[in-house]
Amino acid sequence: MTKWKQIIPQRTIMGTLKHGSDLLEELTQLCVRENITLGRVQAIGAVQKITIGFYDQERREYRFQNIGQPLEITNLIGNISIKDDKPFIHAHITLADEEGNAIGGHVASGAIVFACEFILEVYGGPVFTRCFDESTELALWRFPD
């Protein structure tokens, strides 16, 4: 059965991430500082290097690919919820190389920013907490009924 909750838009934050910073770490620290526990994130820009993941549904594990070259962030989309009692950003990304070839996947730590402009949409409403889901073996949203 599909589960859903109504959320309430509260505010929008726009900014740039520091050159040379870890993309997820920098966004997470902003969420901690601003007490953001529920939201949406999107971004464009470029990375110096990145690690992206793909979830192998048969093996029930992530496979990661390290890409050690500059790439354009053509789109980053994600959400903010709570995992292990702190803000957690779950994001997917599409990247392009110098020839316009695209690659994408789950953003892992170690994405080093060259330049990045982001938008955080902050929501109010029930707490969305990530918990282990037996059917997928992923940490998925759980919220009050």
C-alpha atoms as a PDB file:
ATOM      1  CA  MET A   1       0.000   0.000   0.000  1.00  0.00           C
ATOM      2  CA  THR A   2       1.282   3.461  -0.854  1.00  0.00           C
ATOM      3  CA  LYS A   3       2.081   5.545   2.204  1.00  0.00           C
ATOM      4  CA  TRP A   4       2.203   9.319   2.181  1.00  0.00           C
ATOM      5  CA  LYS A   5       2.018  12.373   4.416  1.00  0.00           C
ATOM      6  CA  GLN A   6       1.245  15.995   3.727  1.00  0.00           C
ATOM      7  CA  ILE A   7       4.175  18.348   4.215  1.00  0.00           C
ATOM      8  CA  ILE A   8       4.195  22.114   4.529  1.00  0.00           C
ATOM      9  CA  PRO A   9       6.687  24.317   2.629  1.00  0.00           C
ATOM     10  CA  GLN A  10       8.465  26.547   5.153  1.00  0.00           C
ATOM     11  CA  ARG A  11      11.389  28.254   3.445  1.00  0.00           C
ATOM     12  CA  THR A  12      13.870  28.010   0.606  1.00  0.00           C
ATOM     13  CA  ILE A  13      17.633  28.402   0.940  1.00  0.00           C
ATOM     14  CA  MET A  14      19.867  29.062  -2.072  1.00  0.00           C
ATOM     15  CA  GLY A  15      23.642  29.144  -2.033  1.00  0.00           C
ATOM     16  CA  THR A  16      26.988  27.918  -3.269  1.00  0.00           C
ATOM     17  CA  LEU A  17      29.211  25.226  -1.833  1.00  0.00           C
ATOM     18  CA  LYS A  18      32.861  25.873  -1.042  1.00  0.00           C
ATOM     19  CA  HIS A  19      35.400  24.935  -3.728  1.00  0.00           C
ATOM     20  CA  GLY A  20      37.216  21.749  -2.671  1.00  0.00           C
ATOM     21  CA  SER A  21      34.577  20.689  -0.131  1.00  0.00           C
ATOM     22  CA  ASP A  22      32.838  17.312   0.069  1.00  0.00           C
ATOM     23  CA  LEU A  23      29.423  17.868  -1.492  1.00  0.00           C
ATOM     24  CA  LEU A  24      27.350  15.690   0.867  1.00  0.00           C
ATOM     25  CA  GLU A  25      29.297  16.696   3.974  1.00  0.00           C
ATOM     26  CA  GLU A  26      28.876  20.400   3.228  1.00  0.00           C
ATOM     27  CA  LEU A  27      25.118  20.091   2.593  1.00  0.00           C
ATOM     28  CA  THR A  28      24.681  17.932   5.702  1.00  0.00           C
ATOM     29  CA  GLN A  29      26.517  20.465   7.877  1.00  0.00           C
ATOM     30  CA  LEU A  30      24.246  23.211   6.548  1.00  0.00           C
ATOM     31  CA  CYS A  31      21.225  21.104   7.525  1.00  0.00           C
ATOM     32  CA  VAL A  32      22.660  20.603  11.023  1.00  0.00           C
ATOM     33  CA  ARG A  33      23.409  24.340  11.455  1.00  0.00           C
ATOM     34  CA  GLU A  34      19.965  25.377  10.187  1.00  0.00           C
ATOM     35  CA  ASN A  35      18.079  22.556  11.970  1.00  0.00           C
ATOM     36  CA  ILE A  36      16.734  21.183   8.673  1.00  0.00           C
ATOM     37  CA  THR A  37      15.275  17.700   9.131  1.00  0.00           C
ATOM     38  CA  LEU A  38      12.874  17.459   6.196  1.00  0.00           C
ATOM     39  CA  GLY A  39      13.387  18.833   2.723  1.00  0.00           C
ATOM     40  CA  ARG A  40      14.411  18.619  -0.884  1.00  0.00           C
ATOM     41  CA  VAL A  41      17.750  19.486  -2.480  1.00  0.00           C
ATOM     42  CA  GLN A  42      18.749  20.191  -6.039  1.00  0.00           C
ATOM     43  CA  ALA A  43      22.019  21.438  -7.500  1.00  0.00           C
ATOM     44  CA  ILE A  44      24.066  22.131 -10.611  1.00  0.00           C
ATOM     45  CA  GLY A  45      27.761  22.809 -11.035  1.00  0.00           C
ATOM     46  CA  ALA A  46      30.875  20.679 -11.357  1.00  0.00           C
ATOM     47  CA  VAL A  47      32.926  18.185  -9.382  1.00  0.00           C
ATOM     48  CA  GLN A  48      36.661  17.516  -9.448  1.00  0.00           C
ATOM     49  CA  LYS A  49      36.062  13.840  -8.698  1.00  0.00           C
ATOM     50  CA  ILE A  50      33.184  11.727  -7.420  1.00  0.00           C
ATOM     51  CA  THR A  51      32.068   8.313  -6.237  1.00  0.00           C
ATOM     52  CA  ILE A  52      28.645   7.171  -7.426  1.00  0.00           C
ATOM     53  CA  GLY A  53      26.720   4.053  -6.536  1.00  0.00           C
ATOM     54  CA  PHE A  54      24.283   1.618  -8.051  1.00  0.00           C
ATOM     55  CA  TYR A  55      22.174  -0.648  -5.841  1.00  0.00           C
ATOM     56  CA  ASP A  56      22.421  -4.268  -6.997  1.00  0.00           C
ATOM     57  CA  GLN A  57      18.910  -5.561  -6.277  1.00  0.00           C
ATOM     58  CA  GLU A  58      19.893  -9.218  -6.490  1.00  0.00           C
ATOM     59  CA  ARG A  59      22.893  -8.996  -4.172  1.00  0.00           C
ATOM     60  CA  ARG A  60      21.247  -6.330  -1.988  1.00  0.00           C
ATOM     61  CA  GLU A  61      24.355  -4.153  -1.916  1.00  0.00           C
ATOM     62  CA  TYR A  62      25.709  -0.977  -3.463  1.00  0.00           C
ATOM     63  CA  ARG A  63      28.372  -1.162  -6.139  1.00  0.00           C
ATOM     64  CA  PHE A  64      30.489   1.990  -6.252  1.00  0.00           C
ATOM     65  CA  GLN A  65      32.432   3.578  -9.068  1.00  0.00           C
ATOM     66  CA  ASN A  66      35.193   6.126  -8.414  1.00  0.00           C
ATOM     67  CA  ILE A  67      35.512   8.703 -11.159  1.00  0.00           C
ATOM     68  CA  GLY A  68      38.700  10.727 -10.760  1.00  0.00           C
ATOM     69  CA  GLN A  69      38.111  13.391 -13.393  1.00  0.00           C
ATOM     70  CA  PRO A  70      36.291  16.707 -13.653  1.00  0.00           C
ATOM     71  CA  LEU A  71      32.608  16.401 -14.564  1.00  0.00           C
ATOM     72  CA  GLU A  72      29.659  18.764 -14.920  1.00  0.00           C
ATOM     73  CA  ILE A  73      26.722  18.288 -12.569  1.00  0.00           C
ATOM     74  CA  THR A  74      23.840  18.498 -15.020  1.00  0.00           C
ATOM     75  CA  ASN A  75      21.359  17.609 -12.280  1.00  0.00           C
ATOM     76  CA  LEU A  76      21.415  16.615  -8.630  1.00  0.00           C
ATOM     77  CA  ILE A  77      18.146  15.812  -6.916  1.00  0.00           C
ATOM     78  CA  GLY A  78      17.599  14.482  -3.440  1.00  0.00           C
ATOM     79  CA  ASN A  79      15.777  14.629  -0.168  1.00  0.00           C
ATOM     80  CA  ILE A  80      16.537  15.326   3.468  1.00  0.00           C
ATOM     81  CA  SER A  81      15.251  13.157   6.280  1.00  0.00           C
ATOM     82  CA  ILE A  82      16.589  11.680   9.528  1.00  0.00           C
ATOM     83  CA  LYS A  83      18.926   8.690   9.787  1.00  0.00           C
ATOM     84  CA  ASP A  84      20.708   7.684  12.988  1.00  0.00           C
ATOM     85  CA  ASP A  85      19.197  10.746  14.747  1.00  0.00           C
ATOM     86  CA  LYS A  86      20.750  13.329  12.390  1.00  0.00           C
ATOM     87  CA  PRO A  87      19.945  14.946   9.024  1.00  0.00           C
ATOM     88  CA  PHE A  88      20.642  12.630   6.103  1.00  0.00           C
ATOM     89  CA  ILE A  89      20.811  13.597   2.442  1.00  0.00           C
ATOM     90  CA  HIS A  90      19.853  10.955  -0.103  1.00  0.00           C
ATOM     91  CA  ALA A  91      20.758  12.239  -3.564  1.00  0.00           C
ATOM     92  CA  HIS A  92      21.117  11.010  -7.106  1.00  0.00           C
ATOM     93  CA  ILE A  93      23.148  12.773  -9.743  1.00  0.00           C
ATOM     94  CA  THR A  94      23.587  13.019 -13.485  1.00  0.00           C
ATOM     95  CA  LEU A  95      27.034  14.068 -14.672  1.00  0.00           C
ATOM     96  CA  ALA A  96      28.514  14.886 -18.085  1.00  0.00           C
ATOM     97  CA  ASP A  97      32.096  14.627 -19.303  1.00  0.00           C
ATOM     98  CA  GLU A  98      33.842  16.946 -21.766  1.00  0.00           C
ATOM     99  CA  GLU A  99      32.301  15.098 -24.718  1.00  0.00           C
ATOM    100  CA  GLY A 100      28.775  15.284 -23.329  1.00  0.00           C
ATOM    101  CA  ASN A 101      28.589  11.644 -22.273  1.00  0.00           C
ATOM    102  CA  ALA A 102      26.353  11.227 -19.253  1.00  0.00           C
ATOM    103  CA  ILE A 103      26.650   8.966 -16.226  1.00  0.00           C
ATOM    104  CA  GLY A 104      24.621   8.933 -13.080  1.00  0.00           C
ATOM    105  CA  GLY A 105      23.817   7.238  -9.842  1.00  0.00           C
ATOM    106  CA  HIS A 106      23.596   7.498  -6.081  1.00  0.00           C
ATOM    107  CA  VAL A 107      25.887  10.205  -4.663  1.00  0.00           C
ATOM    108  CA  ALA A 108      28.419   8.807  -2.184  1.00  0.00           C
ATOM    109  CA  SER A 109      30.782  10.689   0.099  1.00  0.00           C
ATOM    110  CA  GLY A 110      33.931  11.924  -1.583  1.00  0.00           C
ATOM    111  CA  ALA A 111      32.309  14.099  -4.262  1.00  0.00           C
ATOM    112  CA  ILE A 112      34.753  17.013  -4.324  1.00  0.00           C
ATOM    113  CA  VAL A 113      33.182  20.299  -5.401  1.00  0.00           C
ATOM    114  CA  PHE A 114      34.683  22.479  -8.109  1.00  0.00           C
ATOM    115  CA  ALA A 115      31.650  24.780  -8.142  1.00  0.00           C
ATOM    116  CA  CYS A 116      28.131  24.072  -6.978  1.00  0.00           C
ATOM    117  CA  GLU A 117      24.925  26.108  -6.742  1.00  0.00           C
ATOM    118  CA  PHE A 118      22.190  24.528  -4.648  1.00  0.00           C
ATOM    119  CA  ILE A 119      18.590  25.048  -3.613  1.00  0.00           C
ATOM    120  CA  LEU A 120      17.208  23.566  -0.388  1.00  0.00           C
ATOM    121  CA  GLU A 121      13.454  23.511   0.049  1.00  0.00           C
ATOM    122  CA  VAL A 122      12.717  23.135   3.759  1.00  0.00           C
ATOM    123  CA  TYR A 123       9.488  21.449   4.831  1.00  0.00           C
ATOM    124  CA  GLY A 124       7.532  21.089   8.029  1.00  0.00           C
ATOM    125  CA  GLY A 125       5.425  18.109   8.918  1.00  0.00           C
ATOM    126  CA  PRO A 126       5.935  14.633  10.341  1.00  0.00           C
ATOM    127  CA  VAL A 127       9.453  13.337  10.879  1.00  0.00           C
ATOM    128  CA  PHE A 128      10.604  11.080   8.042  1.00  0.00           C
ATOM    129  CA  THR A 129      13.097   8.659   9.614  1.00  0.00           C
ATOM    130  CA  ARG A 130      15.143   6.145   7.644  1.00  0.00           C
ATOM    131  CA  CYS A 131      14.895   2.593   8.984  1.00  0.00           C
ATOM    132  CA  PHE A 132      15.929  -0.820   7.699  1.00  0.00           C
ATOM    133  CA  ASP A 133      13.398  -2.244   5.247  1.00  0.00           C
ATOM    134  CA  GLU A 134      13.456  -6.047   5.120  1.00  0.00           C
ATOM    135  CA  SER A 135      12.037  -6.372   1.597  1.00  0.00           C
ATOM    136  CA  THR A 136      14.778  -4.228  -0.003  1.00  0.00           C
ATOM    137  CA  GLU A 137      17.493  -4.245   2.690  1.00  0.00           C
ATOM    138  CA  LEU A 138      17.696  -0.455   2.315  1.00  0.00           C
ATOM    139  CA  ALA A 139      17.180   2.322   4.846  1.00  0.00           C
ATOM    140  CA  LEU A 140      13.817   3.689   3.703  1.00  0.00           C
ATOM    141  CA  TRP A 141      11.428   6.293   5.081  1.00  0.00           C
ATOM    142  CA  ARG A 142       9.264   5.390   8.026  1.00  0.00           C
ATOM    143  CA  PHE A 143       6.900   7.936   9.500  1.00  0.00           C
ATOM    144  CA  PRO A 144       3.997   7.915  11.943  1.00  0.00           C
ATOM    145  CA  ASP A 145       0.693   6.471  10.667  1.00  0.00           C
END
